[in-house]
């Protein structure tokens, strides 16, 4: 299993609009690709020197190949939808391989 993690620092002035968009549009659209089995959205509880509020969204997928299919087939289109917030956020993406799960 893999996690596609997107960490986003968003300006406070558009935070509520962005959260609503993420929860009602973007995350459902990501799951609708059929390439992710679940998504977890978290607020990072550390204040950033650069300001803003930071969130992490983790999308679980079954394999590196499925994640690559997302990049090839869906990423450009879905990332472009965030252009409405252009200049008001910074995002970086990481891939995580789940080594084990407990509990």
Protein backbone atom coordinates (compact mmCIF):
# COMPACT_ATOMS: atom_id res chain seq x y z
CA UNK A 1 0.00 0.00 0.00
CA UNK A 2 1.05 3.56 -0.71
CA UNK A 3 0.03 6.97 0.52
CA UNK A 4 0.06 9.96 -1.77
CA UNK A 5 0.52 12.84 0.68
CA UNK A 6 -0.19 16.44 -0.27
CA UNK A 7 0.85 19.09 2.26
CA UNK A 8 -0.68 22.50 1.65
CA UNK A 9 -0.06 25.83 3.37
CA UNK A 10 -3.04 28.09 2.67
CA UNK A 11 -3.57 31.78 3.41
CA UNK A 12 -5.92 32.31 6.33
CA UNK A 13 -8.10 34.72 4.31
CA UNK A 14 -9.35 31.91 2.04
CA UNK A 15 -9.06 29.00 4.46
CA UNK A 16 -12.82 28.41 4.91
CA UNK A 17 -13.53 28.54 1.17
CA UNK A 18 -10.61 26.20 0.46
CA UNK A 19 -11.64 23.67 3.15
CA UNK A 20 -15.17 23.60 1.75
CA UNK A 21 -13.84 23.09 -1.79
CA UNK A 22 -11.51 20.31 -0.63
CA UNK A 23 -14.22 18.46 1.28
CA UNK A 24 -17.07 18.84 -1.21
CA UNK A 25 -15.25 18.87 -4.57
CA UNK A 26 -11.55 18.00 -4.72
CA UNK A 27 -11.32 15.01 -2.38
CA UNK A 28 -14.50 13.41 -3.83
CA UNK A 29 -13.06 13.97 -7.34
CA UNK A 30 -9.79 12.32 -6.31
CA UNK A 31 -11.66 9.30 -4.92
CA UNK A 32 -13.86 9.19 -8.04
CA UNK A 33 -10.77 8.37 -10.15
CA UNK A 34 -10.98 4.89 -8.63
CA UNK A 35 -7.27 4.98 -7.88
CA UNK A 36 -7.53 5.75 -4.15
CA UNK A 37 -9.40 3.75 -1.52
CA UNK A 38 -9.63 6.50 1.09
CA UNK A 39 -8.53 10.00 1.99
CA UNK A 40 -7.59 11.54 5.32
CA UNK A 41 -7.45 15.32 5.76
CA UNK A 42 -5.55 16.65 8.77
CA UNK A 43 -4.63 20.07 10.10
CA UNK A 44 -0.94 20.43 10.98
CA UNK A 45 -0.74 21.69 14.55
CA UNK A 46 2.52 23.61 14.17
CA UNK A 47 2.67 27.33 13.41
CA UNK A 48 4.68 28.05 10.29
CA UNK A 49 7.19 30.90 10.18
CA UNK A 50 5.79 31.86 6.77
CA UNK A 51 2.27 32.18 8.23
CA UNK A 52 -0.85 30.55 6.88
CA UNK A 53 -2.42 27.31 8.00
CA UNK A 54 -1.01 23.95 6.95
CA UNK A 55 -2.98 20.82 6.08
CA UNK A 56 -2.05 17.32 5.02
CA UNK A 57 -4.27 15.22 2.78
CA UNK A 58 -3.33 11.56 2.51
CA UNK A 59 -4.76 9.40 -0.27
CA UNK A 60 -4.31 5.64 0.09
CA UNK A 61 -3.68 3.56 -3.02
CA UNK A 62 -2.94 -0.12 -3.57
CA UNK A 63 0.29 0.12 -5.58
CA UNK A 64 2.97 2.32 -7.09
CA UNK A 65 1.57 1.38 -10.53
CA UNK A 66 -1.89 2.69 -9.59
CA UNK A 67 -0.33 5.91 -8.30
CA UNK A 68 1.53 6.26 -11.60
CA UNK A 69 -1.77 5.83 -13.46
CA UNK A 70 -3.14 8.73 -11.41
CA UNK A 71 -0.18 10.88 -12.48
CA UNK A 72 -0.61 9.87 -16.13
CA UNK A 73 -4.40 10.08 -16.38
CA UNK A 74 -5.73 12.48 -13.74
CA UNK A 75 -3.13 14.65 -11.99
CA UNK A 76 -2.89 17.49 -14.52
CA UNK A 77 -6.66 17.96 -14.70
CA UNK A 78 -7.27 17.74 -10.95
CA UNK A 79 -4.35 19.99 -10.02
CA UNK A 80 -5.56 22.61 -12.52
CA UNK A 81 -8.84 22.89 -10.61
CA UNK A 82 -6.94 24.47 -7.71
CA UNK A 83 -6.02 27.44 -9.93
CA UNK A 84 -8.89 29.37 -8.34
CA UNK A 85 -6.62 29.63 -5.28
CA UNK A 86 -3.46 30.48 -7.26
CA UNK A 87 -0.96 32.59 -5.35
CA UNK A 88 -2.65 31.89 -2.03
CA UNK A 89 -1.20 28.47 -1.25
CA UNK A 90 1.97 26.43 -1.44
CA UNK A 91 1.80 22.65 -1.87
CA UNK A 92 4.29 19.84 -1.89
CA UNK A 93 3.69 16.19 -2.56
CA UNK A 94 5.34 13.05 -1.20
CA UNK A 95 4.87 9.35 -1.76
CA UNK A 96 4.89 7.07 1.26
CA UNK A 97 5.13 3.30 1.26
CA UNK A 98 3.24 1.69 4.15
CA UNK A 99 5.66 -0.71 5.83
CA UNK A 100 3.30 -1.99 8.49
CA UNK A 101 0.08 -1.04 10.22
CA UNK A 102 -0.75 -1.66 13.86
CA UNK A 103 -3.73 -1.32 16.13
